[in-house]
Amino acid sequence: IEISPLDEKIRSEYGIRATKGVLISK
């Protein structure tokens, strides 16, 4: 797995409301 932080760009791209945790991007 590859991980990305839950910054505003990622949250907007994936439509995520959560602010805590890390995103599995790949």
mmCIF file of all heavy atoms, coordinates in Angstrom:
data_MODEL
# 
_entry.id   MODEL 
# 
loop_
_atom_site.group_PDB 
_atom_site.id 
_atom_site.type_symbol 
_atom_site.label_atom_id 
_atom_site.label_alt_id 
_atom_site.label_comp_id 
_atom_site.label_asym_id 
_atom_site.label_entity_id 
_atom_site.label_seq_id 
_atom_site.pdbx_PDB_ins_code 
_atom_site.Cartn_x 
_atom_site.Cartn_y 
_atom_site.Cartn_z 
_atom_site.occupancy 
_atom_site.B_iso_or_equiv 
_atom_site.pdbx_formal_charge 
_atom_site.auth_seq_id 
_atom_site.auth_comp_id 
_atom_site.auth_asym_id 
_atom_site.auth_atom_id 
_atom_site.pdbx_PDB_model_num 
ATOM 1   N N   . ILE A 1 1  ? 0.834   -1.200 0.000  1.00 0.00 ? 1  ILE A N   1 
ATOM 2   C CA  . ILE A 1 1  ? 0.000   0.000  0.000  1.00 0.00 ? 1  ILE A CA  1 
ATOM 3   C C   . ILE A 1 1  ? 0.870   1.253  0.000  1.00 0.00 ? 1  ILE A C   1 
ATOM 4   O O   . ILE A 1 1  ? 1.979   1.259  0.534  1.00 0.00 ? 1  ILE A O   1 
ATOM 5   C CB  . ILE A 1 1  ? -0.955  0.053  1.214  1.00 0.00 ? 1  ILE A CB  1 
ATOM 6   C CG1 . ILE A 1 1  ? -0.172  -0.023 2.533  1.00 0.00 ? 1  ILE A CG1 1 
ATOM 7   C CG2 . ILE A 1 1  ? -1.975  -1.075 1.142  1.00 0.00 ? 1  ILE A CG2 1 
ATOM 8   C CD1 . ILE A 1 1  ? -1.029  0.117  3.770  1.00 0.00 ? 1  ILE A CD1 1 
ATOM 9   N N   . GLU A 1 2  ? 0.339   2.316  -0.608 1.00 0.00 ? 2  GLU A N   1 
ATOM 10  C CA  . GLU A 1 2  ? 0.952   3.633  -0.540 1.00 0.00 ? 2  GLU A CA  1 
ATOM 11  C C   . GLU A 1 2  ? -0.004  4.565  0.188  1.00 0.00 ? 2  GLU A C   1 
ATOM 12  O O   . GLU A 1 2  ? -1.224  4.493  0.004  1.00 0.00 ? 2  GLU A O   1 
ATOM 13  C CB  . GLU A 1 2  ? 1.264   4.164  -1.940 1.00 0.00 ? 2  GLU A CB  1 
ATOM 14  C CG  . GLU A 1 2  ? 2.334   3.348  -2.671 1.00 0.00 ? 2  GLU A CG  1 
ATOM 15  C CD  . GLU A 1 2  ? 2.710   3.950  -4.001 1.00 0.00 ? 2  GLU A CD  1 
ATOM 16  O OE1 . GLU A 1 2  ? 2.712   5.213  -4.108 1.00 0.00 ? 2  GLU A OE1 1 
ATOM 17  O OE2 . GLU A 1 2  ? 2.998   3.188  -4.949 1.00 0.00 ? 2  GLU A OE2 1 
ATOM 18  N N   . ILE A 1 3  ? 0.566   5.438  1.014  1.00 0.00 ? 3  ILE A N   1 
ATOM 19  C CA  . ILE A 1 3  ? -0.228  6.244  1.947  1.00 0.00 ? 3  ILE A CA  1 
ATOM 20  C C   . ILE A 1 3  ? -0.076  7.733  1.638  1.00 0.00 ? 3  ILE A C   1 
ATOM 21  O O   . ILE A 1 3  ? 1.005   8.196  1.272  1.00 0.00 ? 3  ILE A O   1 
ATOM 22  C CB  . ILE A 1 3  ? 0.220   5.964  3.403  1.00 0.00 ? 3  ILE A CB  1 
ATOM 23  C CG1 . ILE A 1 3  ? 0.020   4.501  3.750  1.00 0.00 ? 3  ILE A CG1 1 
ATOM 24  C CG2 . ILE A 1 3  ? -0.540  6.842  4.382  1.00 0.00 ? 3  ILE A CG2 1 
ATOM 25  C CD1 . ILE A 1 3  ? -1.421  4.033  3.711  1.00 0.00 ? 3  ILE A CD1 1 
ATOM 26  N N   . SER A 1 4  ? -1.174  8.467  1.808  1.00 0.00 ? 4  SER A N   1 
ATOM 27  C CA  . SER A 1 4  ? -1.170  9.923  1.652  1.00 0.00 ? 4  SER A CA  1 
ATOM 28  C C   . SER A 1 4  ? -1.841  10.564 2.866  1.00 0.00 ? 4  SER A C   1 
ATOM 29  O O   . SER A 1 4  ? -2.719  9.959  3.483  1.00 0.00 ? 4  SER A O   1 
ATOM 30  C CB  . SER A 1 4  ? -1.918  10.342 0.385  1.00 0.00 ? 4  SER A CB  1 
ATOM 31  O OG  . SER A 1 4  ? -1.299  9.810  -0.767 1.00 0.00 ? 4  SER A OG  1 
ATOM 32  N N   . PRO A 1 5  ? -1.438  11.790 3.214  1.00 0.00 ? 5  PRO A N   1 
ATOM 33  C CA  . PRO A 1 5  ? -2.073  12.471 4.351  1.00 0.00 ? 5  PRO A CA  1 
ATOM 34  C C   . PRO A 1 5  ? -3.460  12.976 3.985  1.00 0.00 ? 5  PRO A C   1 
ATOM 35  O O   . PRO A 1 5  ? -3.769  13.211 2.806  1.00 0.00 ? 5  PRO A O   1 
ATOM 36  C CB  . PRO A 1 5  ? -1.124  13.644 4.625  1.00 0.00 ? 5  PRO A CB  1 
ATOM 37  C CG  . PRO A 1 5  ? -0.484  13.912 3.301  1.00 0.00 ? 5  PRO A CG  1 
ATOM 38  C CD  . PRO A 1 5  ? -0.349  12.587 2.620  1.00 0.00 ? 5  PRO A CD  1 
ATOM 39  N N   . LEU A 1 6  ? -4.306  13.156 4.982  1.00 0.00 ? 6  LEU A N   1 
ATOM 40  C CA  . LEU A 1 6  ? -5.664  13.662 4.746  1.00 0.00 ? 6  LEU A CA  1 
ATOM 41  C C   . LEU A 1 6  ? -5.657  15.190 4.726  1.00 0.00 ? 6  LEU A C   1 
ATOM 42  O O   . LEU A 1 6  ? -6.274  15.854 5.579  1.00 0.00 ? 6  LEU A O   1 
ATOM 43  C CB  . LEU A 1 6  ? -6.621  13.145 5.822  1.00 0.00 ? 6  LEU A CB  1 
ATOM 44  C CG  . LEU A 1 6  ? -7.084  11.692 5.704  1.00 0.00 ? 6  LEU A CG  1 
ATOM 45  C CD1 . LEU A 1 6  ? -8.061  11.357 6.823  1.00 0.00 ? 6  LEU A CD1 1 
ATOM 46  C CD2 . LEU A 1 6  ? -7.736  11.440 4.359  1.00 0.00 ? 6  LEU A CD2 1 
ATOM 47  N N   . ASP A 1 7  ? -4.965  15.779 3.751  1.00 0.00 ? 7  ASP A N   1 
ATOM 48  C CA  . ASP A 1 7  ? -4.984  17.233 3.629  1.00 0.00 ? 7  ASP A CA  1 
ATOM 49  C C   . ASP A 1 7  ? -6.231  17.658 2.837  1.00 0.00 ? 7  ASP A C   1 
ATOM 50  O O   . ASP A 1 7  ? -7.019  16.822 2.381  1.00 0.00 ? 7  ASP A O   1 
ATOM 51  C CB  . ASP A 1 7  ? -3.709  17.734 2.966  1.00 0.00 ? 7  ASP A CB  1 
ATOM 52  C CG  . ASP A 1 7  ? -3.429  17.063 1.623  1.00 0.00 ? 7  ASP A CG  1 
ATOM 53  O OD1 . ASP A 1 7  ? -4.390  16.600 0.979  1.00 0.00 ? 7  ASP A OD1 1 
ATOM 54  O OD2 . ASP A 1 7  ? -2.251  16.979 1.230  1.00 0.00 ? 7  ASP A OD2 1 
ATOM 55  N N   . GLU A 1 8  ? -6.410  18.943 2.691  1.00 0.00 ? 8  GLU A N   1 
ATOM 56  C CA  . GLU A 1 8  ? -7.622  19.452 2.034  1.00 0.00 ? 8  GLU A CA  1 
ATOM 57  C C   . GLU A 1 8  ? -7.742  18.952 0.597  1.00 0.00 ? 8  GLU A C   1 
ATOM 58  O O   . GLU A 1 8  ? -8.844  18.653 0.112  1.00 0.00 ? 8  GLU A O   1 
ATOM 59  C CB  . GLU A 1 8  ? -7.623  20.987 2.068  1.00 0.00 ? 8  GLU A CB  1 
ATOM 60  C CG  . GLU A 1 8  ? -7.929  21.562 3.443  1.00 0.00 ? 8  GLU A CG  1 
ATOM 61  C CD  . GLU A 1 8  ? -8.133  23.071 3.380  1.00 0.00 ? 8  GLU A CD  1 
ATOM 62  O OE1 . GLU A 1 8  ? -8.491  23.572 2.293  1.00 0.00 ? 8  GLU A OE1 1 
ATOM 63  O OE2 . GLU A 1 8  ? -7.941  23.720 4.402  1.00 0.00 ? 8  GLU A OE2 1 
ATOM 64  N N   . LYS A 1 9  ? -6.625  18.890 -0.110 1.00 0.00 ? 9  LYS A N   1 
ATOM 65  C CA  . LYS A 1 9  ? -6.644  18.452 -1.500 1.00 0.00 ? 9  LYS A CA  1 
ATOM 66  C C   . LYS A 1 9  ? -7.142  17.018 -1.611 1.00 0.00 ? 9  LYS A C   1 
ATOM 67  O O   . LYS A 1 9  ? -8.013  16.697 -2.441 1.00 0.00 ? 9  LYS A O   1 
ATOM 68  C CB  . LYS A 1 9  ? -5.253  18.581 -2.098 1.00 0.00 ? 9  LYS A CB  1 
ATOM 69  C CG  . LYS A 1 9  ? -5.168  18.154 -3.558 1.00 0.00 ? 9  LYS A CG  1 
ATOM 70  C CD  . LYS A 1 9  ? -3.744  18.285 -4.084 1.00 0.00 ? 9  LYS A CD  1 
ATOM 71  C CE  . LYS A 1 9  ? -3.664  17.790 -5.527 1.00 0.00 ? 9  LYS A CE  1 
ATOM 72  N NZ  . LYS A 1 9  ? -2.279  17.882 -6.057 1.00 0.00 ? 9  LYS A NZ  1 
ATOM 73  N N   . ILE A 1 10 ? -6.595  16.130 -0.777 1.00 0.00 ? 10 ILE A N   1 
ATOM 74  C CA  . ILE A 1 10 ? -6.985  14.717 -0.797 1.00 0.00 ? 10 ILE A CA  1 
ATOM 75  C C   . ILE A 1 10 ? -8.446  14.567 -0.395 1.00 0.00 ? 10 ILE A C   1 
ATOM 76  O O   . ILE A 1 10 ? -9.216  13.815 -1.016 1.00 0.00 ? 10 ILE A O   1 
ATOM 77  C CB  . ILE A 1 10 ? -6.080  13.895 0.138  1.00 0.00 ? 10 ILE A CB  1 
ATOM 78  C CG1 . ILE A 1 10 ? -4.660  13.807 -0.439 1.00 0.00 ? 10 ILE A CG1 1 
ATOM 79  C CG2 . ILE A 1 10 ? -6.650  12.503 0.371  1.00 0.00 ? 10 ILE A CG2 1 
ATOM 80  C CD1 . ILE A 1 10 ? -4.542  12.975 -1.687 1.00 0.00 ? 10 ILE A CD1 1 
ATOM 81  N N   . ARG A 1 11 ? -8.874  15.280 0.648  1.00 0.00 ? 11 ARG A N   1 
ATOM 82  C CA  . ARG A 1 11 ? -10.246 15.169 1.123  1.00 0.00 ? 11 ARG A CA  1 
ATOM 83  C C   . ARG A 1 11 ? -11.230 15.631 0.053  1.00 0.00 ? 11 ARG A C   1 
ATOM 84  O O   . ARG A 1 11 ? -12.300 15.048 -0.133 1.00 0.00 ? 11 ARG A O   1 
ATOM 85  C CB  . ARG A 1 11 ? -10.421 15.974 2.400  1.00 0.00 ? 11 ARG A CB  1 
ATOM 86  C CG  . ARG A 1 11 ? -9.671  15.387 3.605  1.00 0.00 ? 11 ARG A CG  1 
ATOM 87  C CD  . ARG A 1 11 ? -9.671  16.336 4.779  1.00 0.00 ? 11 ARG A CD  1 
ATOM 88  N NE  . ARG A 1 11 ? -11.011 16.672 5.186  1.00 0.00 ? 11 ARG A NE  1 
ATOM 89  C CZ  . ARG A 1 11 ? -11.343 17.792 5.831  1.00 0.00 ? 11 ARG A CZ  1 
ATOM 90  N NH1 . ARG A 1 11 ? -10.411 18.696 6.091  1.00 0.00 ? 11 ARG A NH1 1 
ATOM 91  N NH2 . ARG A 1 11 ? -12.585 18.009 6.175  1.00 0.00 ? 11 ARG A NH2 1 
ATOM 92  N N   . SER A 1 12 ? -10.850 16.707 -0.663 1.00 0.00 ? 12 SER A N   1 
ATOM 93  C CA  . SER A 1 12 ? -11.719 17.214 -1.727 1.00 0.00 ? 12 SER A CA  1 
ATOM 94  C C   . SER A 1 12 ? -11.762 16.239 -2.905 1.00 0.00 ? 12 SER A C   1 
ATOM 95  O O   . SER A 1 12 ? -12.824 15.987 -3.475 1.00 0.00 ? 12 SER A O   1 
ATOM 96  C CB  . SER A 1 12 ? -11.212 18.579 -2.191 1.00 0.00 ? 12 SER A CB  1 
ATOM 97  O OG  . SER A 1 12 ? -11.967 19.039 -3.289 1.00 0.00 ? 12 SER A OG  1 
ATOM 98  N N   . GLU A 1 13 ? -10.614 15.667 -3.251 1.00 0.00 ? 13 GLU A N   1 
ATOM 99  C CA  . GLU A 1 13 ? -10.529 14.749 -4.389 1.00 0.00 ? 13 GLU A CA  1 
ATOM 100 C C   . GLU A 1 13 ? -11.355 13.500 -4.168 1.00 0.00 ? 13 GLU A C   1 
ATOM 101 O O   . GLU A 1 13 ? -12.013 12.996 -5.091 1.00 0.00 ? 13 GLU A O   1 
ATOM 102 C CB  . GLU A 1 13 ? -9.069  14.396 -4.641 1.00 0.00 ? 13 GLU A CB  1 
ATOM 103 C CG  . GLU A 1 13 ? -8.845  13.445 -5.813 1.00 0.00 ? 13 GLU A CG  1 
ATOM 104 C CD  . GLU A 1 13 ? -7.380  13.108 -6.009 1.00 0.00 ? 13 GLU A CD  1 
ATOM 105 O OE1 . GLU A 1 13 ? -6.516  13.828 -5.454 1.00 0.00 ? 13 GLU A OE1 1 
ATOM 106 O OE2 . GLU A 1 13 ? -7.087  12.115 -6.712 1.00 0.00 ? 13 GLU A OE2 1 
ATOM 107 N N   . TYR A 1 14 ? -11.311 12.970 -2.918 1.00 0.00 ? 14 TYR A N   1 
ATOM 108 C CA  . TYR A 1 14 ? -12.008 11.717 -2.628 1.00 0.00 ? 14 TYR A CA  1 
ATOM 109 C C   . TYR A 1 14 ? -13.370 11.948 -1.964 1.00 0.00 ? 14 TYR A C   1 
ATOM 110 O O   . TYR A 1 14 ? -14.082 10.987 -1.659 1.00 0.00 ? 14 TYR A O   1 
ATOM 111 C CB  . TYR A 1 14 ? -11.150 10.839 -1.711 1.00 0.00 ? 14 TYR A CB  1 
ATOM 112 C CG  . TYR A 1 14 ? -9.991  10.171 -2.408 1.00 0.00 ? 14 TYR A CG  1 
ATOM 113 C CD1 . TYR A 1 14 ? -8.771  10.816 -2.550 1.00 0.00 ? 14 TYR A CD1 1 
ATOM 114 C CD2 . TYR A 1 14 ? -10.118 8.887  -2.937 1.00 0.00 ? 14 TYR A CD2 1 
ATOM 115 C CE1 . TYR A 1 14 ? -7.701  10.203 -3.184 1.00 0.00 ? 14 TYR A CE1 1 
ATOM 116 C CE2 . TYR A 1 14 ? -9.057  8.263  -3.576 1.00 0.00 ? 14 TYR A CE2 1 
ATOM 117 C CZ  . TYR A 1 14 ? -7.852  8.932  -3.701 1.00 0.00 ? 14 TYR A CZ  1 
ATOM 118 O OH  . TYR A 1 14 ? -6.788  8.322  -4.339 1.00 0.00 ? 14 TYR A OH  1 
ATOM 119 N N   . GLY A 1 15 ? -13.741 13.208 -1.726 1.00 0.00 ? 15 GLY A N   1 
ATOM 120 C CA  . GLY A 1 15 ? -15.023 13.489 -1.077 1.00 0.00 ? 15 GLY A CA  1 
ATOM 121 C C   . GLY A 1 15 ? -15.079 12.965 0.344  1.00 0.00 ? 15 GLY A C   1 
ATOM 122 O O   . GLY A 1 15 ? -16.101 12.424 0.778  1.00 0.00 ? 15 GLY A O   1 
ATOM 123 N N   . ILE A 1 16 ? -13.993 13.152 1.075  1.00 0.00 ? 16 ILE A N   1 
ATOM 124 C CA  . ILE A 1 16 ? -13.881 12.617 2.439  1.00 0.00 ? 16 ILE A CA  1 
ATOM 125 C C   . ILE A 1 16 ? -14.161 13.722 3.457  1.00 0.00 ? 16 ILE A C   1 
ATOM 126 O O   . ILE A 1 16 ? -13.636 14.841 3.343  1.00 0.00 ? 16 ILE A O   1 
ATOM 127 C CB  . ILE A 1 16 ? -12.473 12.030 2.670  1.00 0.00 ? 16 ILE A CB  1 
ATOM 128 C CG1 . ILE A 1 16 ? -12.244 10.844 1.734  1.00 0.00 ? 16 ILE A CG1 1 
ATOM 129 C CG2 . ILE A 1 16 ? -12.293 11.619 4.120  1.00 0.00 ? 16 ILE A CG2 1 
ATOM 130 C CD1 . ILE A 1 16 ? -10.819 10.337 1.758  1.00 0.00 ? 16 ILE A CD1 1 
ATOM 131 N N   . ARG A 1 17 ? -14.969 13.408 4.445  1.00 0.00 ? 17 ARG A N   1 
ATOM 132 C CA  . ARG A 1 17 ? -15.264 14.365 5.517  1.00 0.00 ? 17 ARG A CA  1 
ATOM 133 C C   . ARG A 1 17 ? -14.344 14.174 6.715  1.00 0.00 ? 17 ARG A C   1 
ATOM 134 O O   . ARG A 1 17 ? -14.138 15.103 7.490  1.00 0.00 ? 17 ARG A O   1 
ATOM 135 C CB  . ARG A 1 17 ? -16.723 14.223 5.958  1.00 0.00 ? 17 ARG A CB  1 
ATOM 136 C CG  . ARG A 1 17 ? -17.729 14.506 4.842  1.00 0.00 ? 17 ARG A CG  1 
ATOM 137 C CD  . ARG A 1 17 ? -19.147 14.219 5.304  1.00 0.00 ? 17 ARG A CD  1 
ATOM 138 N NE  . ARG A 1 17 ? -19.527 15.047 6.443  1.00 0.00 ? 17 ARG A NE  1 
ATOM 139 C CZ  . ARG A 1 17 ? -20.681 14.938 7.089  1.00 0.00 ? 17 ARG A CZ  1 
ATOM 140 N NH1 . ARG A 1 17 ? -21.563 14.032 6.700  1.00 0.00 ? 17 ARG A NH1 1 
ATOM 141 N NH2 . ARG A 1 17 ? -20.958 15.734 8.101  1.00 0.00 ? 17 ARG A NH2 1 
ATOM 142 N N   . ALA A 1 18 ? -13.817 12.988 6.871  1.00 0.00 ? 18 ALA A N   1 
ATOM 143 C CA  . ALA A 1 18 ? -12.963 12.689 8.028  1.00 0.00 ? 18 ALA A CA  1 
ATOM 144 C C   . ALA A 1 18 ? -11.697 13.538 7.986  1.00 0.00 ? 18 ALA A C   1 
ATOM 145 O O   . ALA A 1 18 ? -11.150 13.832 6.922  1.00 0.00 ? 18 ALA A O   1 
ATOM 146 C CB  . ALA A 1 18 ? -12.603 11.209 8.044  1.00 0.00 ? 18 ALA A CB  1 
ATOM 147 N N   . THR A 1 19 ? -11.219 13.926 9.163  1.00 0.00 ? 19 THR A N   1 
ATOM 148 C CA  . THR A 1 19 ? -9.998  14.733 9.265  1.00 0.00 ? 19 THR A CA  1 
ATOM 149 C C   . THR A 1 19 ? -8.857  13.982 9.931  1.00 0.00 ? 19 THR A C   1 
ATOM 150 O O   . THR A 1 19 ? -7.725  14.467 9.953  1.00 0.00 ? 19 THR A O   1 
ATOM 151 C CB  . THR A 1 19 ? -10.270 16.014 10.070 1.00 0.00 ? 19 THR A CB  1 
ATOM 152 O OG1 . THR A 1 19 ? -10.752 15.660 11.380 1.00 0.00 ? 19 THR A OG1 1 
ATOM 153 C CG2 . THR A 1 19 ? -11.295 16.882 9.369  1.00 0.00 ? 19 THR A CG2 1 
ATOM 154 N N   . LYS A 1 20 ? -9.151  12.810 10.499 1.00 0.00 ? 20 LYS A N   1 
ATOM 155 C CA  . LYS A 1 20 ? -8.114  12.024 11.175 1.00 0.00 ? 20 LYS A CA  1 
ATOM 156 C C   . LYS A 1 20 ? -7.920  10.694 10.466 1.00 0.00 ? 20 LYS A C   1 
ATOM 157 O O   . LYS A 1 20 ? -8.879  10.085 10.002 1.00 0.00 ? 20 LYS A O   1 
ATOM 158 C CB  . LYS A 1 20 ? -8.483  11.799 12.639 1.00 0.00 ? 20 LYS A CB  1 
ATOM 159 C CG  . LYS A 1 20 ? -8.457  13.067 13.474 1.00 0.00 ? 20 LYS A CG  1 
ATOM 160 C CD  . LYS A 1 20 ? -8.727  12.776 14.935 1.00 0.00 ? 20 LYS A CD  1 
ATOM 161 C CE  . LYS A 1 20 ? -8.642  14.056 15.760 1.00 0.00 ? 20 LYS A CE  1 
ATOM 162 N NZ  . LYS A 1 20 ? -8.888  13.782 17.207 1.00 0.00 ? 20 LYS A NZ  1 
ATOM 163 N N   . GLY A 1 21 ? -6.669  10.252 10.426 1.00 0.00 ? 21 GLY A N   1 
ATOM 164 C CA  . GLY A 1 21 ? -6.327  9.019  9.749  1.00 0.00 ? 21 GLY A CA  1 
ATOM 165 C C   . GLY A 1 21 ? -5.410  9.286  8.576  1.00 0.00 ? 21 GLY A C   1 
ATOM 166 O O   . GLY A 1 21 ? -4.965  10.427 8.347  1.00 0.00 ? 21 GLY A O   1 
ATOM 167 N N   . VAL A 1 22 ? -5.090  8.257  7.815  1.00 0.00 ? 22 VAL A N   1 
ATOM 168 C CA  . VAL A 1 22 ? -4.298  8.389  6.591  1.00 0.00 ? 22 VAL A CA  1 
ATOM 169 C C   . VAL A 1 22 ? -5.019  7.652  5.474  1.00 0.00 ? 22 VAL A C   1 
ATOM 170 O O   . VAL A 1 22 ? -5.724  6.667  5.714  1.00 0.00 ? 22 VAL A O   1 
ATOM 171 C CB  . VAL A 1 22 ? -2.862  7.843  6.768  1.00 0.00 ? 22 VAL A CB  1 
ATOM 172 C CG1 . VAL A 1 22 ? -2.087  8.670  7.770  1.00 0.00 ? 22 VAL A CG1 1 
ATOM 173 C CG2 . VAL A 1 22 ? -2.880  6.371  7.182  1.00 0.00 ? 22 VAL A CG2 1 
ATOM 174 N N   . LEU A 1 23 ? -4.820  8.121  4.250  1.00 0.00 ? 23 LEU A N   1 
ATOM 175 C CA  . LEU A 1 23 ? -5.526  7.573  3.097  1.00 0.00 ? 23 LEU A CA  1 
ATOM 176 C C   . LEU A 1 23 ? -4.667  6.557  2.360  1.00 0.00 ? 23 LEU A C   1 
ATOM 177 O O   . LEU A 1 23 ? -3.481  6.779  2.132  1.00 0.00 ? 23 LEU A O   1 
ATOM 178 C CB  . LEU A 1 23 ? -5.900  8.698  2.133  1.00 0.00 ? 23 LEU A CB  1 
ATOM 179 C CG  . LEU A 1 23 ? -6.665  8.256  0.876  1.00 0.00 ? 23 LEU A CG  1 
ATOM 180 C CD1 . LEU A 1 23 ? -8.143  8.171  1.190  1.00 0.00 ? 23 LEU A CD1 1 
ATOM 181 C CD2 . LEU A 1 23 ? -6.407  9.210  -0.286 1.00 0.00 ? 23 LEU A CD2 1 
ATOM 182 N N   . ILE A 1 24 ? -5.262  5.408  2.014  1.00 0.00 ? 24 ILE A N   1 
ATOM 183 C CA  . ILE A 1 24 ? -4.602  4.461  1.126  1.00 0.00 ? 24 ILE A CA  1 
ATOM 184 C C   . ILE A 1 24 ? -4.814  4.973  -0.299 1.00 0.00 ? 24 ILE A C   1 
ATOM 185 O O   . ILE A 1 24 ? -5.925  4.925  -0.826 1.00 0.00 ? 24 ILE A O   1 
ATOM 186 C CB  . ILE A 1 24 ? -5.174  3.042  1.286  1.00 0.00 ? 24 ILE A CB  1 
ATOM 187 C CG1 . ILE A 1 24 ? -4.944  2.541  2.720  1.00 0.00 ? 24 ILE A CG1 1 
ATOM 188 C CG2 . ILE A 1 24 ? -4.533  2.094  0.287  1.00 0.00 ? 24 ILE A CG2 1 
ATOM 189 C CD1 . ILE A 1 24 ? -5.538  1.179  2.998  1.00 0.00 ? 24 ILE A CD1 1 
ATOM 190 N N   . SER A 1 25 ? -3.747  5.503  -0.916 1.00 0.00 ? 25 SER A N   1 
ATOM 191 C CA  . SER A 1 25 ? -3.873  6.140  -2.231 1.00 0.00 ? 25 SER A CA  1 
ATOM 192 C C   . SER A 1 25 ? -3.612  5.165  -3.376 1.00 0.00 ? 25 SER A C   1 
ATOM 193 O O   . SER A 1 25 ? -4.217  5.285  -4.440 1.00 0.00 ? 25 SER A O   1 
ATOM 194 C CB  . SER A 1 25 ? -2.920  7.328  -2.335 1.00 0.00 ? 25 SER A CB  1 
ATOM 195 O OG  . SER A 1 25 ? -1.587  6.930  -2.053 1.00 0.00 ? 25 SER A OG  1 
ATOM 196 N N   . LYS A 1 26 ? -2.723  4.202  -3.197 1.00 0.00 ? 26 LYS A N   1 
ATOM 197 C CA  . LYS A 1 26 ? -2.419  3.215  -4.221 1.00 0.00 ? 26 LYS A CA  1 
ATOM 198 C C   . LYS A 1 26 ? -2.223  1.856  -3.584 1.00 0.00 ? 26 LYS A C   1 
ATOM 199 O O   . LYS A 1 26 ? -1.829  1.752  -2.416 1.00 0.00 ? 26 LYS A O   1 
ATOM 200 C CB  . LYS A 1 26 ? -1.155  3.597  -5.003 1.00 0.00 ? 26 LYS A CB  1 
ATOM 201 C CG  . LYS A 1 26 ? -1.284  4.862  -5.833 1.00 0.00 ? 26 LYS A CG  1 
ATOM 202 C CD  . LYS A 1 26 ? 0.009   5.131  -6.597 1.00 0.00 ? 26 LYS A CD  1 
ATOM 203 C CE  . LYS A 1 26 ? -0.095  6.422  -7.412 1.00 0.00 ? 26 LYS A CE  1 
ATOM 204 N NZ  . LYS A 1 26 ? 1.165   6.710  -8.144 1.00 0.00 ? 26 LYS A NZ  1 
# 
